PDB file of N, CA and C in Angstrom:
ATOM      1  N   VAL A   1      19.293  -7.516  21.120  1.00  0.00           N
ATOM      2  CA  VAL A   1      19.406  -6.886  19.053  1.00  0.00           C
ATOM      3  C   VAL A   1      17.979  -5.701  18.726  1.00  0.00           C
ATOM      4  N   TYR A   2      16.984  -6.354  19.445  1.00  0.00           N
ATOM      5  CA  TYR A   2      15.896  -5.909  19.307  1.00  0.00           C
ATOM      6  C   TYR A   2      15.440  -4.745  19.932  1.00  0.00           C
ATOM      7  N   ASN A   3      16.118  -4.958  21.663  1.00  0.00           N
ATOM      8  CA  ASN A   3      15.749  -4.339  22.493  1.00  0.00           C
ATOM      9  C   ASN A   3      16.761  -2.634  22.534  1.00  0.00           C
ATOM     10  N   ALA A   4      17.804  -2.473  21.573  1.00  0.00           N
ATOM     11  CA  ALA A   4      18.760  -1.994  20.502  1.00  0.00           C
ATOM     12  C   ALA A   4      18.189  -0.984  19.510  1.00  0.00           C
ATOM     13  N   LEU A   5      17.176  -1.856  18.584  1.00  0.00           N
ATOM     14  CA  LEU A   5      16.661  -1.050  17.881  1.00  0.00           C
ATOM     15  C   LEU A   5      15.408  -0.726  18.348  1.00  0.00           C
ATOM     16  N   HIS A   6      15.029  -0.880  19.427  1.00  0.00           N
ATOM     17  CA  HIS A   6      14.023  -0.013  19.461  1.00  0.00           C
ATOM     18  C   HIS A   6      14.310   1.368  20.522  1.00  0.00           C
ATOM     19  N   GLN A   7      15.232   0.882  20.704  1.00  0.00           N
ATOM     20  CA  GLN A   7      15.919   1.682  22.071  1.00  0.00           C
ATOM     21  C   GLN A   7      16.280   3.394  20.534  1.00  0.00           C
ATOM     22  N   PHE A   8      16.926   2.783  19.112  1.00  0.00           N
ATOM     23  CA  PHE A   8      17.018   3.670  18.693  1.00  0.00           C
ATOM     24  C   PHE A   8      16.399   4.253  17.658  1.00  0.00           C
ATOM     25  N   THR A   9      14.629   3.370  17.409  1.00  0.00           N
ATOM     26  CA  THR A   9      13.737   3.632  16.968  1.00  0.00           C
ATOM     27  C   THR A   9      12.941   4.786  17.845  1.00  0.00           C
ATOM     28  N   GLU A  10      13.279   4.693  19.001  1.00  0.00           N
ATOM     29  CA  GLU A  10      12.371   6.138  20.375  1.00  0.00           C
ATOM     30  C   GLU A  10      13.996   7.109  20.135  1.00  0.00           C
ATOM     31  N   ALA A  11      14.888   6.727  19.492  1.00  0.00           N
ATOM     32  CA  ALA A  11      15.914   8.472  19.597  1.00  0.00           C
ATOM     33  C   ALA A  11      15.558   8.891  18.394  1.00  0.00           C
ATOM     34  N   GLY A  12      14.760   7.999  17.714  1.00  0.00           N
ATOM     35  CA  GLY A  12      14.550   8.944  16.626  1.00  0.00           C
ATOM     36  C   GLY A  12      15.839   8.201  15.403  1.00  0.00           C
ATOM     37  N   LEU A  13      17.111   7.438  15.694  1.00  0.00           N
ATOM     38  CA  LEU A  13      17.825   7.249  14.376  1.00  0.00           C
ATOM     39  C   LEU A  13      16.921   6.222  13.283  1.00  0.00           C
ATOM     40  N   LEU A  14      16.123   5.141  13.886  1.00  0.00           N
ATOM     41  CA  LEU A  14      15.416   4.174  13.236  1.00  0.00           C
ATOM     42  C   LEU A  14      13.796   4.741  12.676  1.00  0.00           C
ATOM     43  N   ARG A  15      12.864   3.688  12.019  1.00  0.00           N
ATOM     44  CA  ARG A  15      11.488   4.477  11.592  1.00  0.00           C
ATOM     45  C   ARG A  15      11.206   2.985  11.683  1.00  0.00           C
ATOM     46  N   ILE A  16      10.313   1.966  12.291  1.00  0.00           N
ATOM     47  CA  ILE A  16       9.731   0.919  12.259  1.00  0.00           C
ATOM     48  C   ILE A  16       8.847   0.887  11.494  1.00  0.00           C
ATOM     49  N   LEU A  17       8.415  -0.496  10.422  1.00  0.00           N
ATOM     50  CA  LEU A  17       7.913  -0.406   9.248  1.00  0.00           C
ATOM     51  C   LEU A  17       7.062  -1.923   9.161  1.00  0.00           C
ATOM     52  N   ALA A  18       5.426  -1.697   9.089  1.00  0.00           N
ATOM     53  CA  ALA A  18       5.317  -3.026   9.795  1.00  0.00           C
ATOM     54  C   ALA A  18       4.980  -3.091   8.670  1.00  0.00           C
ATOM     55  N   VAL A  19       4.920  -4.480   8.075  1.00  0.00           N
ATOM     56  CA  VAL A  19       4.702  -5.199   6.467  1.00  0.00           C
ATOM     57  C   VAL A  19       3.763  -6.484   6.393  1.00  0.00           C
ATOM     58  N   GLU A  20       4.199  -7.146   7.480  1.00  0.00           N
ATOM     59  CA  GLU A  20       3.296  -8.018   6.914  1.00  0.00           C
ATOM     60  C   GLU A  20       2.875  -8.986   8.513  1.00  0.00           C
ATOM     61  N   GLY A  21       2.161  -8.509   9.045  1.00  0.00           N
ATOM     62  CA  GLY A  21       1.167  -8.099  10.453  1.00  0.00           C
ATOM     63  C   GLY A  21       2.445  -8.515  11.578  1.00  0.00           C
ATOM     64  N   SER A  22       3.021  -9.952  11.593  1.00  0.00           N
ATOM     65  CA  SER A  22       3.931 -10.383  12.379  1.00  0.00           C
ATOM     66  C   SER A  22       5.868  -9.681  11.943  1.00  0.00           C
ATOM     67  N   LYS A  23       6.073  -9.306  10.833  1.00  0.00           N
ATOM     68  CA  LYS A  23       7.419  -9.137  10.356  1.00  0.00           C
ATOM     69  C   LYS A  23       7.745  -7.529  10.382  1.00  0.00           C
ATOM     70  N   THR A  24       8.315  -7.118  10.872  1.00  0.00           N
ATOM     71  CA  THR A  24       8.734  -5.597  10.961  1.00  0.00           C
ATOM     72  C   THR A  24      10.335  -5.253  10.108  1.00  0.00           C
ATOM     73  N   TYR A  25      10.545  -4.043  10.041  1.00  0.00           N
ATOM     74  CA  TYR A  25      11.978  -3.651   9.035  1.00  0.00           C
ATOM     75  C   TYR A  25      12.141  -2.973  10.157  1.00  0.00           C
ATOM     76  N   PHE A  26      13.589  -2.189   9.701  1.00  0.00           N
ATOM     77  CA  PHE A  26      13.885  -1.073  10.744  1.00  0.00           C
ATOM     78  C   PHE A  26      14.290  -0.326   9.590  1.00  0.00           C
ATOM     79  N   ASP A  27      14.462   1.058   9.637  1.00  0.00           N
ATOM     80  CA  ASP A  27      14.525   1.555   8.539  1.00  0.00           C
ATOM     81  C   ASP A  27      15.414   3.149   9.067  1.00  0.00           C
ATOM     82  N   THR A  28      16.775   2.853   8.057  1.00  0.00           N
ATOM     83  CA  THR A  28      17.453   4.002   8.916  1.00  0.00           C
ATOM     84  C   THR A  28      17.434   5.604   7.852  1.00  0.00           C
ATOM     85  N   ASN A  29      16.388   5.415   7.484  1.00  0.00           N
ATOM     86  CA  ASN A  29      16.100   6.729   5.882  1.00  0.00           C
ATOM     87  C   ASN A  29      15.225   6.953   7.395  1.00  0.00           C
ATOM     88  N   THR A  30      15.027   8.479   8.043  1.00  0.00           N
ATOM     89  CA  THR A  30      13.651   8.246   8.978  1.00  0.00           C
ATOM     90  C   THR A  30      12.598  10.084   8.912  1.00  0.00           C
ATOM     91  N   SER A  31      13.419  10.062   7.583  1.00  0.00           N
ATOM     92  CA  SER A  31      12.112  11.127   6.556  1.00  0.00           C
ATOM     93  C   SER A  31      10.932  11.147   6.332  1.00  0.00           C
ATOM     94  N   ASP A  32       9.926  11.337   5.947  1.00  0.00           N
ATOM     95  CA  ASP A  32       9.022  11.152   4.891  1.00  0.00           C
ATOM     96  C   ASP A  32       8.768  10.657   4.251  1.00  0.00           C
ATOM     97  N   HIS A  33       8.586   9.557   4.158  1.00  0.00           N
ATOM     98  CA  HIS A  33       9.289   8.509   2.249  1.00  0.00           C
ATOM     99  C   HIS A  33       8.161   7.605   2.967  1.00  0.00           C
ATOM    100  N   HIS A  34       7.877   7.124   1.443  1.00  0.00           N
ATOM    101  CA  HIS A  34       6.884   5.768   1.440  1.00  0.00           C
ATOM    102  C   HIS A  34       8.098   4.759   0.615  1.00  0.00           C
ATOM    103  N   HIS A  35       7.041   2.910   0.493  1.00  0.00           N
ATOM    104  CA  HIS A  35       7.858   1.649  -0.141  1.00  0.00           C
ATOM    105  C   HIS A  35       7.117   1.249  -0.781  1.00  0.00           C
ATOM    106  N   PHE A  36       8.256   0.818  -1.703  1.00  0.00           N
ATOM    107  CA  PHE A  36       8.042  -0.576  -2.506  1.00  0.00           C
ATOM    108  C   PHE A  36       8.374  -2.249  -1.491  1.00  0.00           C
ATOM    109  N   TYR A  37       7.418  -2.706  -1.732  1.00  0.00           N
ATOM    110  CA  TYR A  37       7.800  -4.161  -0.884  1.00  0.00           C
ATOM    111  C   TYR A  37       7.430  -5.153  -1.983  1.00  0.00           C
ATOM    112  N   VAL A  38       8.072  -6.341  -1.958  1.00  0.00           N
ATOM    113  CA  VAL A  38       8.328  -6.601  -3.299  1.00  0.00           C
ATOM    114  C   VAL A  38       7.468  -7.807  -2.812  1.00  0.00           C
ATOM    115  N   GLU A  39       6.468  -9.325  -2.700  1.00  0.00           N
ATOM    116  CA  GLU A  39       5.431  -9.841  -2.177  1.00  0.00           C
ATOM    117  C   GLU A  39       6.985 -11.218  -2.754  1.00  0.00           C
ATOM    118  N   GLY A  40       7.062 -11.962  -1.820  1.00  0.00           N
ATOM    119  CA  GLY A  40       7.490 -13.578  -2.033  1.00  0.00           C
ATOM    120  C   GLY A  40       9.329 -13.160  -1.950  1.00  0.00           C
ATOM    121  N   GLU A  41       9.819 -12.120  -1.739  1.00  0.00           N
ATOM    122  CA  GLU A  41      10.962 -11.850  -1.842  1.00  0.00           C
ATOM    123  C   GLU A  41      11.542 -11.128  -0.402  1.00  0.00           C
ATOM    124  N   ASN A  42      10.163 -10.589   0.041  1.00  0.00           N
ATOM    125  CA  ASN A  42      10.914  -9.841   1.494  1.00  0.00           C
ATOM    126  C   ASN A  42      11.034  -9.145   1.092  1.00  0.00           C
ATOM    127  N   ARG A  43      11.178  -7.543   0.054  1.00  0.00           N
ATOM    128  CA  ARG A  43      12.235  -6.900  -0.118  1.00  0.00           C
ATOM    129  C   ARG A  43      11.586  -5.495  -0.512  1.00  0.00           C
ATOM    130  N   ILE A  44      12.096  -4.804   0.805  1.00  0.00           N
ATOM    131  CA  ILE A  44      11.384  -3.676   1.103  1.00  0.00           C
ATOM    132  C   ILE A  44      12.368  -2.418   0.597  1.00  0.00           C
ATOM    133  N   PHE A  45      12.355  -1.555  -0.506  1.00  0.00           N
ATOM    134  CA  PHE A  45      12.906  -0.491  -1.012  1.00  0.00           C
ATOM    135  C   PHE A  45      11.828   1.294  -0.653  1.00  0.00           C
ATOM    136  N   ASP A  46      12.970   2.210  -0.739  1.00  0.00           N
ATOM    137  CA  ASP A  46      12.564   3.254  -1.141  1.00  0.00           C
ATOM    138  C   ASP A  46      11.504   3.700  -2.020  1.00  0.00           C
ATOM    139  N   ILE A  47      10.263   4.456  -1.986  1.00  0.00           N
ATOM    140  CA  ILE A  47      10.183   4.972  -3.021  1.00  0.00           C
ATOM    141  C   ILE A  47      10.269   6.664  -3.122  1.00  0.00           C
ATOM    142  N   GLU A  48      11.903   5.942  -4.868  1.00  0.00           N
ATOM    143  CA  GLU A  48      12.412   7.527  -4.569  1.00  0.00           C
ATOM    144  C   GLU A  48      11.558   8.625  -5.366  1.00  0.00           C
ATOM    145  N   SER A  49      10.139   8.734  -5.854  1.00  0.00           N
ATOM    146  CA  SER A  49       9.434   9.612  -7.107  1.00  0.00           C
ATOM    147  C   SER A  49       9.011  10.776  -6.689  1.00  0.00           C
ATOM    148  N   GLY A  50       9.524  11.236  -5.561  1.00  0.00           N
ATOM    149  CA  GLY A  50       8.944  11.775  -4.632  1.00  0.00           C
ATOM    150  C   GLY A  50       7.847  12.004  -3.457  1.00  0.00           C
ATOM    151  N   PRO A  51       7.050  13.259  -3.630  1.00  0.00           N
ATOM    152  CA  PRO A  51       5.582  12.801  -2.957  1.00  0.00           C
ATOM    153  C   PRO A  51       4.234  12.129  -2.841  1.00  0.00           C
ATOM    154  N   VAL A  52       4.356  11.464  -2.227  1.00  0.00           N
ATOM    155  CA  VAL A  52       2.621  10.926  -3.245  1.00  0.00           C
ATOM    156  C   VAL A  52       1.790  11.057  -2.496  1.00  0.00           C
ATOM    157  N   THR A  53       1.126  11.657  -3.647  1.00  0.00           N
ATOM    158  CA  THR A  53      -0.028  11.966  -2.595  1.00  0.00           C
ATOM    159  C   THR A  53      -1.834  10.816  -2.877  1.00  0.00           C
ATOM    160  N   VAL A  54      -3.185  11.852  -1.132  1.00  0.00           N
ATOM    161  CA  VAL A  54      -3.264  10.179  -1.304  1.00  0.00           C
ATOM    162  C   VAL A  54      -4.684  11.266  -0.842  1.00  0.00           C
ATOM    163  N   SER A  55      -5.977  10.746  -1.818  1.00  0.00           N
ATOM    164  CA  SER A  55      -7.082  11.452  -1.428  1.00  0.00           C
ATOM    165  C   SER A  55      -8.040  10.979  -0.947  1.00  0.00           C
ATOM    166  N   ASN A  56      -9.315  12.024  -0.166  1.00  0.00           N
ATOM    167  CA  ASN A  56     -10.337  11.370   0.431  1.00  0.00           C
ATOM    168  C   ASN A  56      -9.847  10.141   1.386  1.00  0.00           C
ATOM    169  N   LEU A  57      -8.979  10.980   1.961  1.00  0.00           N
ATOM    170  CA  LEU A  57      -8.929  10.586   3.487  1.00  0.00           C
ATOM    171  C   LEU A  57      -9.787  10.459   4.211  1.00  0.00           C
ATOM    172  N   PRO A  58     -10.352   9.610   5.313  1.00  0.00           N
ATOM    173  CA  PRO A  58     -11.299   9.793   6.137  1.00  0.00           C
ATOM    174  C   PRO A  58     -10.667  11.277   7.201  1.00  0.00           C
ATOM    175  N   ALA A  59     -11.689  11.214   7.525  1.00  0.00           N
ATOM    176  CA  ALA A  59     -11.796  12.660   8.876  1.00  0.00           C
ATOM    177  C   ALA A  59     -11.415  11.757   9.912  1.00  0.00           C
ATOM    178  N   PRO A  60     -10.495  12.242  10.922  1.00  0.00           N
ATOM    179  CA  PRO A  60     -10.241  11.568  11.984  1.00  0.00           C
ATOM    180  C   PRO A  60     -11.278  11.962  13.156  1.00  0.00           C
ATOM    181  N   PRO A  61     -12.034  10.485  14.019  1.00  0.00           N
ATOM    182  CA  PRO A  61     -12.247  10.976  15.293  1.00  0.00           C
ATOM    183  C   PRO A  61     -12.228  12.239  15.973  1.00  0.00           C
ATOM    184  N   GLU A  62     -12.883  12.825  16.128  1.00  0.00           N
ATOM    185  CA  GLU A  62     -12.954  13.795  17.269  1.00  0.00           C
ATOM    186  C   GLU A  62     -11.843  13.840  18.008  1.00  0.00           C
ATOM    187  N   GLY A  63     -11.471  15.011  18.610  1.00  0.00           N
ATOM    188  CA  GLY A  63     -10.609  15.320  19.420  1.00  0.00           C
ATOM    189  C   GLY A  63      -8.811  14.090  18.840  1.00  0.00           C
ATOM    190  N   MET A  64      -8.964  14.085  17.854  1.00  0.00           N
ATOM    191  CA  MET A  64      -7.652  13.230  16.906  1.00  0.00           C
ATOM    192  C   MET A  64      -7.622  14.198  15.621  1.00  0.00           C
ATOM    193  N   GLU A  65      -5.884  14.173  15.711  1.00  0.00           N
ATOM    194  CA  GLU A  65      -5.502  14.149  14.321  1.00  0.00           C
ATOM    195  C   GLU A  65      -4.944  13.805  12.989  1.00  0.00           C
ATOM    196  N   ILE A  66      -4.795  13.986  11.947  1.00  0.00           N
ATOM    197  CA  ILE A  66      -3.669  12.782  11.455  1.00  0.00           C
ATOM    198  C   ILE A  66      -2.001  13.510  11.709  1.00  0.00           C
ATOM    199  N   ALA A  67      -1.461  11.919  12.664  1.00  0.00           N
ATOM    200  CA  ALA A  67       0.249  12.433  12.794  1.00  0.00           C
ATOM    201  C   ALA A  67       0.438  12.107  11.429  1.00  0.00           C
ATOM    202  N   ASN A  68       0.541  10.749  10.656  1.00  0.00           N
ATOM    203  CA  ASN A  68       1.335  10.954   9.623  1.00  0.00           C
ATOM    204  C   ASN A  68       0.664   9.360   8.570  1.00  0.00           C
ATOM    205  N   VAL A  69       0.670   9.556   7.078  1.00  0.00           N
ATOM    206  CA  VAL A  69       0.477   8.182   6.834  1.00  0.00           C
ATOM    207  C   VAL A  69       1.750   7.686   5.838  1.00  0.00           C
ATOM    208  N   ASP A  70       1.942   5.917   6.166  1.00  0.00           N
ATOM    209  CA  ASP A  70       2.281   6.122   5.878  1.00  0.00           C
ATOM    210  C   ASP A  70       2.377   4.720   4.761  1.00  0.00           C
ATOM    211  N   ILE A  71       2.828   4.763   3.267  1.00  0.00           N
ATOM    212  CA  ILE A  71       2.171   3.922   2.404  1.00  0.00           C
ATOM    213  C   ILE A  71       3.097   2.909   1.863  1.00  0.00           C
ATOM    214  N   VAL A  72       2.672   1.301   2.290  1.00  0.00           N
ATOM    215  CA  VAL A  72       3.410   0.678   1.615  1.00  0.00           C
ATOM    216  C   VAL A  72       3.397  -0.199  -0.308  1.00  0.00           C
ATOM    217  N   VAL A  73       3.661   0.458  -1.578  1.00  0.00           N
ATOM    218  CA  VAL A  73       2.934  -0.468  -2.411  1.00  0.00           C
ATOM    219  C   VAL A  73       3.527  -1.509  -2.296  1.00  0.00           C
ATOM    220  N   ARG A  74       2.983  -2.572  -2.830  1.00  0.00           N
ATOM    221  CA  ARG A  74       3.619  -4.272  -2.768  1.00  0.00           C
ATOM    222  C   ARG A  74       3.476  -4.685  -3.742  1.00  0.00           C
ATOM    223  N   LEU A  75       4.791  -5.089  -4.745  1.00  0.00           N
ATOM    224  CA  LEU A  75       4.887  -5.391  -6.077  1.00  0.00           C
ATOM    225  C   LEU A  75       4.639  -7.266  -5.576  1.00  0.00           C
ATOM    226  N   ARG A  76       4.775  -7.425  -7.063  1.00  0.00           N
ATOM    227  CA  ARG A  76       4.665  -8.268  -7.433  1.00  0.00           C
ATOM    228  C   ARG A  76       5.434  -8.442  -9.334  1.00  0.00           C
ATOM    229  N   PRO A  77       6.246 -10.084  -9.269  1.00  0.00           N
ATOM    230  CA  PRO A  77       6.806  -9.704 -10.761  1.00  0.00           C
ATOM    231  C   PRO A  77       4.971 -10.133 -12.184  1.00  0.00           C
ATOM    232  N   LYS A  78       5.616  -8.783 -13.245  1.00  0.00           N
ATOM    233  CA  LYS A  78       4.054  -9.316 -13.338  1.00  0.00           C
ATOM    234  C   LYS A  78       4.094 -11.069 -14.602  1.00  0.00           C
ATOM    235  N   ARG A  79       2.949 -10.963 -14.068  1.00  0.00           N
ATOM    236  CA  ARG A  79       2.759 -12.724 -14.826  1.00  0.00           C
ATOM    237  C   ARG A  79       2.371 -12.574 -16.954  1.00  0.00           C
ATOM    238  N   GLY A  80       2.825 -13.402 -17.026  1.00  0.00           N
ATOM    239  CA  GLY A  80       3.015 -13.703 -18.726  1.00  0.00           C
ATOM    240  C   GLY A  80       2.581 -12.845 -19.680  1.00  0.00           C
ATOM    241  N   ASP A  81       2.563 -11.982 -20.619  1.00  0.00           N
ATOM    242  CA  ASP A  81       1.839 -11.541 -21.135  1.00  0.00           C
ATOM    243  C   ASP A  81       1.224 -12.370 -22.687  1.00  0.00           C
TER     244      ASP A  81
END
């Protein structure tokens, strides 16, 4: 199964999301977008609110360029107010 998932990724049909070290998610939405991750529930879903702006990115090393920035916003239930 994992070989097939990686082949789909290489063909551009899936995106790999690495969230928790050894946990990997496969996303069928291959467009540029970011994600929410709910801690403790191991649930991930798309951020639907439009583009996310990242400021003050470090300059890449000489001879390199930034190819992409993946953002995962970690969520948890609010603690008692």
